[in-house]
Amino acid sequence: MSGKNLHREFLVSKCFKEVKAVGFSTGGLLLTQYVLNEKKPSSLKSLHLISPYYIQRFGGFFDSIIGHFVNGLSVDTAYFLSRFKDLKVMTLDSQFYHQNLPIDAGLQVKELGIIESKKDYTAKKIPVQLFISEGDWTVDIQATKDFIIKNFEEVELTYYKGEEPHHLMSPSVSSKAKEIQQKIFNF
């Protein structure tokens, strides 16, 4: 473990007796990458993943073409052109979201998800709460479920059928946001 990570672990363990780490989408990818690659901080009691991103549901061929022509596309324009429903929340809650979608950065996140999903890890014993939805147009739900079940020994899965979007934690587009908050609190 690097000195910087050891210092962070010390700070977290000293400041908090119990930590529940919550990650949404890319944040879920980065949290699981950390937990799977580093020694678990002693105060980290559980991992809560809301629509974590590992493998993209749609896309592929067109990603690099779009990135070549337009790297800084506004979210409003992207939603107007695509009607991609997982972008809608960013137009409704624009003060909470960056207004530019750097496609090159998105491609790097996509690549990291692919790399992580192919690695063989020893399953971790930290309890994980996973929230995914059938209506998520962003992540490959089966790949997400398989990745988490393979890499963590104790997984509680909440799967929402129907049209619940990628942004499960956002009350402006998801009817399940408050329920998810309560489940995380009670876990």
N, C-alpha and C. Protein backbone atom coordinates (compact mmCIF):
# COMPACT_ATOMS: atom_id res chain seq x y z
N MET A 1 0.86 -1.18 0.00
CA MET A 1 0.00 0.00 0.00
C MET A 1 0.90 1.23 0.00
N SER A 2 0.55 2.20 -0.83
CA SER A 2 1.37 3.40 -0.93
C SER A 2 1.22 4.24 0.33
N GLY A 3 2.20 5.10 0.57
CA GLY A 3 2.18 5.98 1.73
C GLY A 3 0.96 6.87 1.76
N LYS A 4 0.56 7.36 0.60
CA LYS A 4 -0.61 8.25 0.51
C LYS A 4 -1.87 7.50 0.93
N ASN A 5 -2.04 6.26 0.45
CA ASN A 5 -3.22 5.48 0.80
C ASN A 5 -3.19 5.08 2.27
N LEU A 6 -2.03 4.77 2.80
CA LEU A 6 -1.89 4.43 4.21
C LEU A 6 -2.30 5.62 5.07
N HIS A 7 -1.90 6.82 4.65
CA HIS A 7 -2.27 8.04 5.37
C HIS A 7 -3.78 8.24 5.35
N ARG A 8 -4.41 8.05 4.20
CA ARG A 8 -5.87 8.19 4.09
C ARG A 8 -6.58 7.18 4.98
N GLU A 9 -6.08 5.94 4.97
CA GLU A 9 -6.69 4.90 5.81
C GLU A 9 -6.60 5.30 7.27
N PHE A 10 -5.45 5.81 7.68
CA PHE A 10 -5.25 6.24 9.07
C PHE A 10 -6.25 7.35 9.42
N LEU A 11 -6.40 8.34 8.54
CA LEU A 11 -7.31 9.45 8.80
C LEU A 11 -8.76 8.98 8.91
N VAL A 12 -9.19 8.13 8.00
CA VAL A 12 -10.56 7.63 8.03
C VAL A 12 -10.80 6.82 9.29
N SER A 13 -9.87 5.93 9.64
CA SER A 13 -10.01 5.08 10.82
C SER A 13 -10.01 5.89 12.11
N LYS A 14 -9.20 6.94 12.17
CA LYS A 14 -9.13 7.78 13.36
C LYS A 14 -10.36 8.67 13.52
N CYS A 15 -10.88 9.16 12.42
CA CYS A 15 -11.99 10.13 12.48
C CYS A 15 -13.35 9.48 12.63
N PHE A 16 -13.51 8.27 12.13
CA PHE A 16 -14.83 7.64 12.11
C PHE A 16 -14.73 6.20 12.59
N LYS A 17 -15.63 5.82 13.52
CA LYS A 17 -15.66 4.44 13.99
C LYS A 17 -16.26 3.52 12.95
N GLU A 18 -17.20 4.05 12.18
CA GLU A 18 -17.86 3.23 11.16
C GLU A 18 -18.09 4.05 9.91
N VAL A 19 -17.68 3.51 8.78
CA VAL A 19 -17.86 4.18 7.49
C VAL A 19 -18.68 3.28 6.58
N LYS A 20 -19.72 3.87 5.99
CA LYS A 20 -20.49 3.21 4.95
C LYS A 20 -20.14 3.96 3.67
N ALA A 21 -19.44 3.33 2.76
CA ALA A 21 -19.03 3.97 1.52
C ALA A 21 -20.11 3.78 0.47
N VAL A 22 -20.55 4.89 -0.13
CA VAL A 22 -21.62 4.86 -1.13
C VAL A 22 -21.07 5.39 -2.45
N GLY A 23 -21.28 4.63 -3.53
CA GLY A 23 -20.83 5.07 -4.84
C GLY A 23 -21.91 4.89 -5.88
N PHE A 24 -22.07 5.93 -6.71
CA PHE A 24 -23.04 5.88 -7.80
C PHE A 24 -22.30 5.91 -9.12
N SER A 25 -22.65 5.02 -10.04
CA SER A 25 -22.13 4.99 -11.41
C SER A 25 -20.60 4.92 -11.42
N THR A 26 -19.95 5.96 -11.92
CA THR A 26 -18.48 5.97 -11.95
C THR A 26 -17.92 5.91 -10.54
N GLY A 27 -18.59 6.55 -9.59
CA GLY A 27 -18.16 6.48 -8.19
C GLY A 27 -18.18 5.06 -7.66
N GLY A 28 -19.15 4.26 -8.10
CA GLY A 28 -19.20 2.85 -7.73
C GLY A 28 -18.03 2.08 -8.31
N LEU A 29 -17.68 2.38 -9.55
CA LEU A 29 -16.51 1.76 -10.19
C LEU A 29 -15.24 2.09 -9.41
N LEU A 30 -15.06 3.37 -9.09
CA LEU A 30 -13.84 3.79 -8.39
C LEU A 30 -13.78 3.22 -6.98
N LEU A 31 -14.91 3.17 -6.28
CA LEU A 31 -14.93 2.58 -4.94
C LEU A 31 -14.58 1.10 -4.96
N THR A 32 -15.19 0.35 -5.88
CA THR A 32 -14.88 -1.08 -5.92
C THR A 32 -13.44 -1.32 -6.35
N GLN A 33 -12.94 -0.50 -7.25
CA GLN A 33 -11.53 -0.64 -7.65
C GLN A 33 -10.63 -0.45 -6.43
N TYR A 34 -10.93 0.55 -5.62
CA TYR A 34 -10.13 0.79 -4.41
C TYR A 34 -10.24 -0.39 -3.44
N VAL A 35 -11.47 -0.80 -3.14
CA VAL A 35 -11.68 -1.87 -2.16
C VAL A 35 -11.05 -3.18 -2.62
N LEU A 36 -11.11 -3.47 -3.91
CA LEU A 36 -10.55 -4.73 -4.41
C LEU A 36 -9.03 -4.71 -4.52
N ASN A 37 -8.44 -3.53 -4.62
CA ASN A 37 -6.99 -3.44 -4.81
C ASN A 37 -6.20 -3.04 -3.57
N GLU A 38 -6.85 -2.49 -2.56
CA GLU A 38 -6.16 -2.00 -1.38
C GLU A 38 -6.63 -2.75 -0.14
N LYS A 39 -5.85 -2.62 0.93
CA LYS A 39 -6.25 -3.19 2.21
C LYS A 39 -7.46 -2.41 2.72
N LYS A 40 -8.46 -3.12 3.19
CA LYS A 40 -9.68 -2.47 3.67
C LYS A 40 -9.42 -1.69 4.95
N PRO A 41 -9.78 -0.39 4.96
CA PRO A 41 -9.66 0.37 6.21
C PRO A 41 -10.50 -0.28 7.31
N SER A 42 -10.00 -0.29 8.53
CA SER A 42 -10.69 -0.99 9.61
C SER A 42 -12.08 -0.42 9.90
N SER A 43 -12.29 0.85 9.63
CA SER A 43 -13.60 1.45 9.92
C SER A 43 -14.61 1.26 8.79
N LEU A 44 -14.19 0.73 7.64
CA LEU A 44 -15.11 0.53 6.52
C LEU A 44 -15.98 -0.69 6.80
N LYS A 45 -17.25 -0.45 7.05
CA LYS A 45 -18.16 -1.52 7.45
C LYS A 45 -18.99 -2.07 6.30
N SER A 46 -19.24 -1.25 5.29
CA SER A 46 -20.07 -1.73 4.19
C SER A 46 -19.86 -0.86 2.96
N LEU A 47 -20.22 -1.45 1.83
CA LEU A 47 -20.11 -0.79 0.53
C LEU A 47 -21.51 -0.78 -0.09
N HIS A 48 -21.96 0.38 -0.54
CA HIS A 48 -23.29 0.55 -1.10
C HIS A 48 -23.15 1.09 -2.51
N LEU A 49 -23.57 0.32 -3.48
CA LEU A 49 -23.36 0.66 -4.89
C LEU A 49 -24.69 0.88 -5.58
N ILE A 50 -24.87 2.09 -6.12
CA ILE A 50 -26.09 2.46 -6.81
C ILE A 50 -25.77 2.57 -8.29
N SER A 51 -26.33 1.69 -9.07
CA SER A 51 -26.09 1.66 -10.53
C SER A 51 -24.61 1.78 -10.86
N PRO A 52 -23.76 0.95 -10.24
CA PRO A 52 -22.32 1.09 -10.50
C PRO A 52 -21.98 0.76 -11.96
N TYR A 53 -21.05 1.52 -12.49
CA TYR A 53 -20.68 1.37 -13.90
C TYR A 53 -19.46 0.47 -14.03
N TYR A 54 -19.58 -0.60 -14.80
CA TYR A 54 -18.43 -1.44 -15.16
C TYR A 54 -18.41 -1.64 -16.67
N ILE A 55 -19.54 -2.06 -17.21
CA ILE A 55 -19.66 -2.31 -18.65
C ILE A 55 -20.85 -1.50 -19.17
N GLN A 56 -20.64 -0.84 -20.30
CA GLN A 56 -21.67 0.00 -20.92
C GLN A 56 -22.75 -0.86 -21.56
N ARG A 57 -23.99 -0.44 -21.39
CA ARG A 57 -25.10 -1.20 -21.97
C ARG A 57 -25.20 -1.00 -23.48
N PHE A 58 -25.09 0.23 -23.93
CA PHE A 58 -25.15 0.54 -25.35
C PHE A 58 -23.87 1.28 -25.73
N GLY A 59 -23.63 1.43 -26.99
CA GLY A 59 -22.46 2.19 -27.43
C GLY A 59 -21.47 1.28 -28.12
N GLY A 60 -20.23 1.69 -28.05
CA GLY A 60 -19.19 0.90 -28.68
C GLY A 60 -18.63 1.58 -29.89
N PHE A 61 -19.07 1.18 -31.05
CA PHE A 61 -18.53 1.66 -32.32
C PHE A 61 -18.59 3.18 -32.44
N PHE A 62 -19.72 3.78 -32.03
CA PHE A 62 -19.90 5.21 -32.23
C PHE A 62 -19.18 6.07 -31.19
N ASP A 63 -18.78 5.50 -30.08
CA ASP A 63 -18.14 6.28 -29.01
C ASP A 63 -16.95 7.08 -29.51
N SER A 64 -16.01 6.42 -30.14
CA SER A 64 -14.79 7.10 -30.57
C SER A 64 -15.05 8.05 -31.73
N ILE A 65 -16.02 7.74 -32.58
CA ILE A 65 -16.36 8.64 -33.69
C ILE A 65 -16.92 9.95 -33.15
N ILE A 66 -17.85 9.86 -32.21
CA ILE A 66 -18.43 11.06 -31.60
C ILE A 66 -17.34 11.86 -30.90
N GLY A 67 -16.48 11.17 -30.14
CA GLY A 67 -15.40 11.85 -29.43
C GLY A 67 -14.44 12.56 -30.36
N HIS A 68 -14.26 12.02 -31.55
CA HIS A 68 -13.36 12.64 -32.52
C HIS A 68 -13.90 13.98 -33.01
N PHE A 69 -15.22 14.06 -33.20
CA PHE A 69 -15.81 15.29 -33.73
C PHE A 69 -16.21 16.29 -32.65
N VAL A 70 -16.75 15.79 -31.55
CA VAL A 70 -17.26 16.68 -30.51
C VAL A 70 -16.83 16.15 -29.15
N ASN A 71 -15.89 16.81 -28.50
CA ASN A 71 -15.47 16.34 -27.19
C ASN A 71 -16.26 17.01 -26.07
N GLY A 72 -16.57 18.27 -26.18
CA GLY A 72 -17.28 18.97 -25.12
C GLY A 72 -18.72 19.25 -25.50
N LEU A 73 -19.57 18.25 -25.43
CA LEU A 73 -20.97 18.37 -25.81
C LEU A 73 -21.78 18.73 -24.57
N SER A 74 -22.62 19.77 -24.65
CA SER A 74 -23.43 20.13 -23.48
C SER A 74 -24.44 19.02 -23.22
N VAL A 75 -24.78 18.84 -21.95
CA VAL A 75 -25.74 17.80 -21.58
C VAL A 75 -27.10 18.09 -22.20
N ASP A 76 -27.51 19.35 -22.19
CA ASP A 76 -28.80 19.70 -22.79
C ASP A 76 -28.85 19.33 -24.27
N THR A 77 -27.78 19.62 -25.00
CA THR A 77 -27.72 19.28 -26.43
C THR A 77 -27.72 17.76 -26.62
N ALA A 78 -26.94 17.07 -25.81
CA ALA A 78 -26.88 15.61 -25.92
C ALA A 78 -28.25 14.99 -25.69
N TYR A 79 -28.98 15.49 -24.68
CA TYR A 79 -30.31 14.96 -24.40
C TYR A 79 -31.28 15.29 -25.54
N PHE A 80 -31.20 16.53 -26.05
CA PHE A 80 -32.07 16.95 -27.15
C PHE A 80 -31.86 16.07 -28.38
N LEU A 81 -30.60 15.78 -28.70
CA LEU A 81 -30.28 14.99 -29.89
C LEU A 81 -30.59 13.50 -29.73
N SER A 82 -30.34 12.98 -28.54
CA SER A 82 -30.43 11.53 -28.35
C SER A 82 -31.70 11.06 -27.66
N ARG A 83 -32.30 11.91 -26.85
CA ARG A 83 -33.41 11.52 -25.97
C ARG A 83 -33.03 10.32 -25.10
N PHE A 84 -31.74 10.22 -24.83
CA PHE A 84 -31.22 9.16 -23.96
C PHE A 84 -31.71 9.45 -22.55
N LYS A 85 -32.64 8.64 -22.06
CA LYS A 85 -33.36 8.98 -20.84
C LYS A 85 -32.46 9.12 -19.61
N ASP A 86 -31.31 8.48 -19.59
CA ASP A 86 -30.43 8.62 -18.43
C ASP A 86 -29.74 9.98 -18.38
N LEU A 87 -29.85 10.77 -19.44
CA LEU A 87 -29.33 12.15 -19.42
C LEU A 87 -30.38 13.13 -18.90
N LYS A 88 -31.63 12.73 -18.88
CA LYS A 88 -32.71 13.64 -18.52
C LYS A 88 -32.49 14.28 -17.15
N VAL A 89 -32.07 13.50 -16.17
CA VAL A 89 -31.88 14.04 -14.82
C VAL A 89 -30.87 15.19 -14.82
N MET A 90 -29.90 15.13 -15.69
CA MET A 90 -28.88 16.19 -15.74
C MET A 90 -29.47 17.49 -16.27
N THR A 91 -30.53 17.40 -17.05
CA THR A 91 -31.17 18.63 -17.53
C THR A 91 -32.14 19.18 -16.49
N LEU A 92 -32.70 18.31 -15.66
CA LEU A 92 -33.62 18.74 -14.61
C LEU A 92 -32.88 19.31 -13.40
N ASP A 93 -31.78 18.68 -13.02
CA ASP A 93 -31.00 19.08 -11.85
C ASP A 93 -29.65 19.63 -12.28
N SER A 94 -29.66 20.58 -13.18
CA SER A 94 -28.41 21.03 -13.79
C SER A 94 -27.43 21.64 -12.80
N GLN A 95 -27.89 22.17 -11.67
CA GLN A 95 -26.93 22.74 -10.72
C GLN A 95 -26.09 21.66 -10.05
N PHE A 96 -26.51 20.41 -10.11
CA PHE A 96 -25.76 19.32 -9.50
C PHE A 96 -24.88 18.56 -10.48
N TYR A 97 -25.00 18.88 -11.76
CA TYR A 97 -24.27 18.15 -12.78
C TYR A 97 -23.43 19.09 -13.61
N HIS A 98 -22.29 18.61 -14.05
CA HIS A 98 -21.46 19.38 -14.97
C HIS A 98 -22.24 19.58 -16.27
N GLN A 99 -22.10 20.74 -16.86
CA GLN A 99 -22.88 21.03 -18.06
C GLN A 99 -22.20 20.60 -19.34
N ASN A 100 -20.99 20.09 -19.25
CA ASN A 100 -20.32 19.56 -20.44
C ASN A 100 -20.03 18.08 -20.22
N LEU A 101 -20.15 17.34 -21.26
CA LEU A 101 -19.91 15.91 -21.21
C LEU A 101 -18.62 15.63 -21.97
N PRO A 102 -17.48 15.56 -21.26
CA PRO A 102 -16.21 15.31 -21.97
C PRO A 102 -16.14 13.86 -22.44
N ILE A 103 -16.37 13.66 -23.70
CA ILE A 103 -16.47 12.31 -24.24
C ILE A 103 -15.16 11.54 -24.08
N ASP A 104 -14.03 12.22 -24.24
CA ASP A 104 -12.74 11.54 -24.03
C ASP A 104 -12.63 11.00 -22.61
N ALA A 105 -13.09 11.79 -21.62
CA ALA A 105 -13.07 11.32 -20.23
C ALA A 105 -14.01 10.13 -20.06
N GLY A 106 -15.17 10.19 -20.69
CA GLY A 106 -16.11 9.08 -20.63
C GLY A 106 -15.53 7.80 -21.21
N LEU A 107 -14.75 7.94 -22.28
CA LEU A 107 -14.10 6.77 -22.88
C LEU A 107 -13.05 6.18 -21.95
N GLN A 108 -12.38 7.03 -21.17
CA GLN A 108 -11.41 6.53 -20.20
C GLN A 108 -12.11 5.76 -19.08
N VAL A 109 -13.25 6.27 -18.62
CA VAL A 109 -14.04 5.56 -17.61
C VAL A 109 -14.50 4.21 -18.16
N LYS A 110 -14.96 4.22 -19.40
CA LYS A 110 -15.39 2.98 -20.05
C LYS A 110 -14.25 1.97 -20.08
N GLU A 111 -13.06 2.42 -20.45
CA GLU A 111 -11.89 1.53 -20.52
C GLU A 111 -11.53 0.98 -19.14
N LEU A 112 -11.58 1.83 -18.11
CA LEU A 112 -11.30 1.37 -16.75
C LEU A 112 -12.31 0.30 -16.33
N GLY A 113 -13.58 0.50 -16.64
CA GLY A 113 -14.60 -0.50 -16.31
C GLY A 113 -14.33 -1.83 -16.98
N ILE A 114 -13.92 -1.80 -18.23
CA ILE A 114 -13.60 -3.03 -18.96
C ILE A 114 -12.41 -3.73 -18.33
N ILE A 115 -11.36 -2.97 -18.02
CA ILE A 115 -10.16 -3.54 -17.41
C ILE A 115 -10.50 -4.19 -16.07
N GLU A 116 -11.24 -3.46 -15.22
CA GLU A 116 -11.58 -3.99 -13.89
C GLU A 116 -12.45 -5.24 -14.00
N SER A 117 -13.39 -5.24 -14.93
CA SER A 117 -14.31 -6.38 -15.04
C SER A 117 -13.61 -7.65 -15.49
N LYS A 118 -12.45 -7.53 -16.12
CA LYS A 118 -11.71 -8.70 -16.61
C LYS A 118 -10.72 -9.26 -15.59
N LYS A 119 -10.43 -8.50 -14.53
CA LYS A 119 -9.45 -8.95 -13.54
C LYS A 119 -10.03 -10.06 -12.67
N ASP A 120 -9.13 -10.91 -12.20
CA ASP A 120 -9.51 -11.95 -11.24
C ASP A 120 -9.07 -11.51 -9.85
N TYR A 121 -10.03 -11.26 -8.99
CA TYR A 121 -9.76 -10.84 -7.62
C TYR A 121 -10.13 -11.96 -6.67
N THR A 122 -9.55 -11.94 -5.49
CA THR A 122 -10.00 -12.79 -4.41
C THR A 122 -11.22 -12.10 -3.81
N ALA A 123 -12.30 -12.85 -3.64
CA ALA A 123 -13.54 -12.25 -3.13
C ALA A 123 -13.32 -11.62 -1.76
N LYS A 124 -13.83 -10.41 -1.60
CA LYS A 124 -13.70 -9.66 -0.34
C LYS A 124 -14.87 -9.98 0.58
N LYS A 125 -14.61 -9.85 1.89
CA LYS A 125 -15.62 -10.20 2.89
C LYS A 125 -16.44 -9.00 3.35
N ILE A 126 -16.28 -7.86 2.75
CA ILE A 126 -17.05 -6.68 3.13
C ILE A 126 -18.50 -6.79 2.63
N PRO A 127 -19.49 -6.50 3.48
CA PRO A 127 -20.89 -6.55 3.02
C PRO A 127 -21.15 -5.48 1.95
N VAL A 128 -21.86 -5.90 0.90
CA VAL A 128 -22.16 -5.00 -0.21
C VAL A 128 -23.67 -4.96 -0.43
N GLN A 129 -24.16 -3.76 -0.61
CA GLN A 129 -25.55 -3.54 -0.98
C GLN A 129 -25.54 -3.00 -2.41
N LEU A 130 -26.21 -3.70 -3.31
CA LEU A 130 -26.19 -3.35 -4.73
C LEU A 130 -27.60 -2.99 -5.19
N PHE A 131 -27.74 -1.79 -5.77
CA PHE A 131 -29.02 -1.32 -6.31
C PHE A 131 -28.89 -1.17 -7.82
N ILE A 132 -29.70 -1.93 -8.55
CA ILE A 132 -29.70 -1.82 -10.02
C ILE A 132 -31.14 -1.84 -10.52
N SER A 133 -31.32 -1.39 -11.76
CA SER A 133 -32.68 -1.33 -12.29
C SER A 133 -32.74 -1.78 -13.74
N GLU A 134 -33.84 -2.41 -14.06
CA GLU A 134 -34.09 -2.88 -15.41
C GLU A 134 -34.12 -1.72 -16.41
N GLY A 135 -34.57 -0.55 -15.97
CA GLY A 135 -34.70 0.60 -16.85
C GLY A 135 -33.42 1.41 -17.03
N ASP A 136 -32.31 0.91 -16.51
CA ASP A 136 -31.02 1.61 -16.64
C ASP A 136 -30.51 1.44 -18.07
N TRP A 137 -30.35 2.55 -18.78
CA TRP A 137 -29.85 2.50 -20.15
C TRP A 137 -28.34 2.67 -20.20
N THR A 138 -27.71 2.90 -19.08
CA THR A 138 -26.28 3.22 -19.06
C THR A 138 -25.41 2.00 -18.84
N VAL A 139 -25.73 1.20 -17.83
CA VAL A 139 -24.86 0.07 -17.49
C VAL A 139 -25.47 -1.26 -17.91
N ASP A 140 -24.61 -2.21 -18.18
CA ASP A 140 -25.01 -3.58 -18.47
C ASP A 140 -25.32 -4.24 -17.13
N ILE A 141 -26.60 -4.41 -16.84
CA ILE A 141 -27.04 -4.88 -15.53
C ILE A 141 -26.51 -6.27 -15.21
N GLN A 142 -26.55 -7.19 -16.16
CA GLN A 142 -26.08 -8.55 -15.90
C GLN A 142 -24.57 -8.55 -15.62
N ALA A 143 -23.81 -7.79 -16.38
CA ALA A 143 -22.35 -7.71 -16.15
C ALA A 143 -22.06 -7.12 -14.78
N THR A 144 -22.84 -6.12 -14.37
CA THR A 144 -22.67 -5.51 -13.05
C THR A 144 -22.94 -6.53 -11.96
N LYS A 145 -24.07 -7.20 -12.06
CA LYS A 145 -24.44 -8.21 -11.06
C LYS A 145 -23.39 -9.31 -10.99
N ASP A 146 -22.95 -9.83 -12.12
CA ASP A 146 -21.94 -10.89 -12.16
C ASP A 146 -20.63 -10.43 -11.52
N PHE A 147 -20.21 -9.21 -11.83
CA PHE A 147 -18.95 -8.68 -11.30
C PHE A 147 -18.99 -8.59 -9.78
N ILE A 148 -20.07 -8.06 -9.24
CA ILE A 148 -20.18 -7.89 -7.79
C ILE A 148 -20.29 -9.23 -7.08
N ILE A 149 -21.12 -10.11 -7.58
CA ILE A 149 -21.29 -11.43 -6.94
C ILE A 149 -19.99 -12.23 -6.98
N LYS A 150 -19.22 -12.09 -8.05
CA LYS A 150 -17.94 -12.81 -8.16
C LYS A 150 -16.89 -12.26 -7.19
N ASN A 151 -16.93 -10.97 -6.90
CA ASN A 151 -15.84 -10.34 -6.16
C ASN A 151 -16.14 -10.02 -4.70
N PHE A 152 -17.37 -10.25 -4.25
CA PHE A 152 -17.72 -9.99 -2.86
C PHE A 152 -18.53 -11.16 -2.32
N GLU A 153 -18.20 -11.59 -1.10
CA GLU A 153 -18.84 -12.77 -0.52
C GLU A 153 -20.25 -12.52 -0.02
N GLU A 154 -20.52 -11.31 0.45
CA GLU A 154 -21.82 -11.00 1.04
C GLU A 154 -22.48 -9.86 0.26
N VAL A 155 -23.44 -10.20 -0.59
CA VAL A 155 -24.09 -9.20 -1.45
C VAL A 155 -25.60 -9.23 -1.23
N GLU A 156 -26.15 -8.06 -0.94
CA GLU A 156 -27.60 -7.89 -0.90
C GLU A 156 -27.99 -7.12 -2.15
N LEU A 157 -28.75 -7.77 -3.01
CA LEU A 157 -29.13 -7.18 -4.30
C LEU A 157 -30.56 -6.66 -4.24
N THR A 158 -30.74 -5.41 -4.64
CA THR A 158 -32.08 -4.85 -4.84
C THR A 158 -32.19 -4.54 -6.32
N TYR A 159 -33.12 -5.24 -6.97
CA TYR A 159 -33.31 -5.09 -8.41
C TYR A 159 -34.70 -4.51 -8.67
N TYR A 160 -34.73 -3.35 -9.31
CA TYR A 160 -36.00 -2.69 -9.62
C TYR A 160 -36.41 -3.01 -11.05
N LYS A 161 -37.60 -3.58 -11.19
CA LYS A 161 -38.14 -3.85 -12.52
C LYS A 161 -38.84 -2.59 -13.03
N GLY A 162 -39.00 -2.52 -14.32
CA GLY A 162 -39.72 -1.39 -14.90
C GLY A 162 -38.78 -0.29 -15.36
N GLU A 163 -39.27 0.93 -15.29
CA GLU A 163 -38.60 2.07 -15.91
C GLU A 163 -37.71 2.90 -14.99
N GLU A 164 -37.36 2.41 -13.81
CA GLU A 164 -36.48 3.20 -12.94
C GLU A 164 -35.16 3.44 -13.67
N PRO A 165 -34.69 4.68 -13.71
CA PRO A 165 -33.51 5.03 -14.52
C PRO A 165 -32.18 4.75 -13.82
N HIS A 166 -31.12 5.02 -14.52
CA HIS A 166 -29.75 4.89 -14.00
C HIS A 166 -29.57 5.69 -12.71
N HIS A 167 -30.14 6.89 -12.66
CA HIS A 167 -29.99 7.79 -11.51
C HIS A 167 -30.99 7.41 -10.42
N LEU A 168 -30.85 6.22 -9.87
CA LEU A 168 -31.78 5.72 -8.86
C LEU A 168 -31.84 6.59 -7.62
N MET A 169 -30.77 7.31 -7.32
CA MET A 169 -30.70 8.08 -6.08
C MET A 169 -31.27 9.49 -6.24
N SER A 170 -31.73 9.86 -7.42
CA SER A 170 -32.21 11.21 -7.70
C SER A 170 -33.74 11.28 -7.65
N PRO A 171 -34.31 11.94 -6.63
CA PRO A 171 -35.76 12.01 -6.50
C PRO A 171 -36.47 12.65 -7.69
N SER A 172 -35.78 13.47 -8.47
CA SER A 172 -36.44 14.12 -9.60
C SER A 172 -36.78 13.16 -10.73
N VAL A 173 -36.13 12.00 -10.79
CA VAL A 173 -36.43 11.03 -11.85
C VAL A 173 -36.69 9.62 -11.34
N SER A 174 -36.40 9.35 -10.08
CA SER A 174 -36.58 8.00 -9.56
C SER A 174 -37.53 7.99 -8.37
N SER A 175 -38.55 7.15 -8.46
CA SER A 175 -39.49 7.01 -7.34
C SER A 175 -38.89 6.18 -6.21
N LYS A 176 -37.73 5.60 -6.42
CA LYS A 176 -37.10 4.73 -5.42
C LYS A 176 -36.01 5.42 -4.60
N ALA A 177 -35.73 6.70 -4.86
CA ALA A 177 -34.61 7.39 -4.22
C ALA A 177 -34.69 7.36 -2.69
N LYS A 178 -35.82 7.71 -2.13
CA LYS A 178 -35.95 7.73 -0.67
C LYS A 178 -35.86 6.32 -0.09
N GLU A 179 -36.43 5.36 -0.77
CA GLU A 179 -36.35 3.97 -0.33
C GLU A 179 -34.89 3.50 -0.28
N ILE A 180 -34.12 3.86 -1.29
CA ILE A 180 -32.71 3.48 -1.34
C ILE A 180 -31.94 4.12 -0.19
N GLN A 181 -32.19 5.40 0.06
CA GLN A 181 -31.53 6.07 1.19
C GLN A 181 -31.84 5.36 2.50
N GLN A 182 -33.10 4.99 2.69
CA GLN A 182 -33.50 4.31 3.92
C GLN A 182 -32.85 2.93 4.03
N LYS A 183 -32.80 2.20 2.93
CA LYS A 183 -32.17 0.87 2.95
C LYS A 183 -30.68 0.97 3.29
N ILE A 184 -30.00 1.98 2.76
CA ILE A 184 -28.58 2.17 3.07
C ILE A 184 -28.43 2.49 4.56
N PHE A 185 -29.26 3.36 5.06
CA PHE A 185 -29.22 3.74 6.48
C PHE A 185 -29.44 2.53 7.38
N ASN A 186 -30.37 1.66 7.00
CA ASN A 186 -30.73 0.50 7.84
C ASN A 186 -29.80 -0.70 7.66
N PHE A 187 -28.94 -0.70 6.68
CA PHE A 187 -28.09 -1.86 6.37
C PHE A 187 -27.10 -2.12 7.48
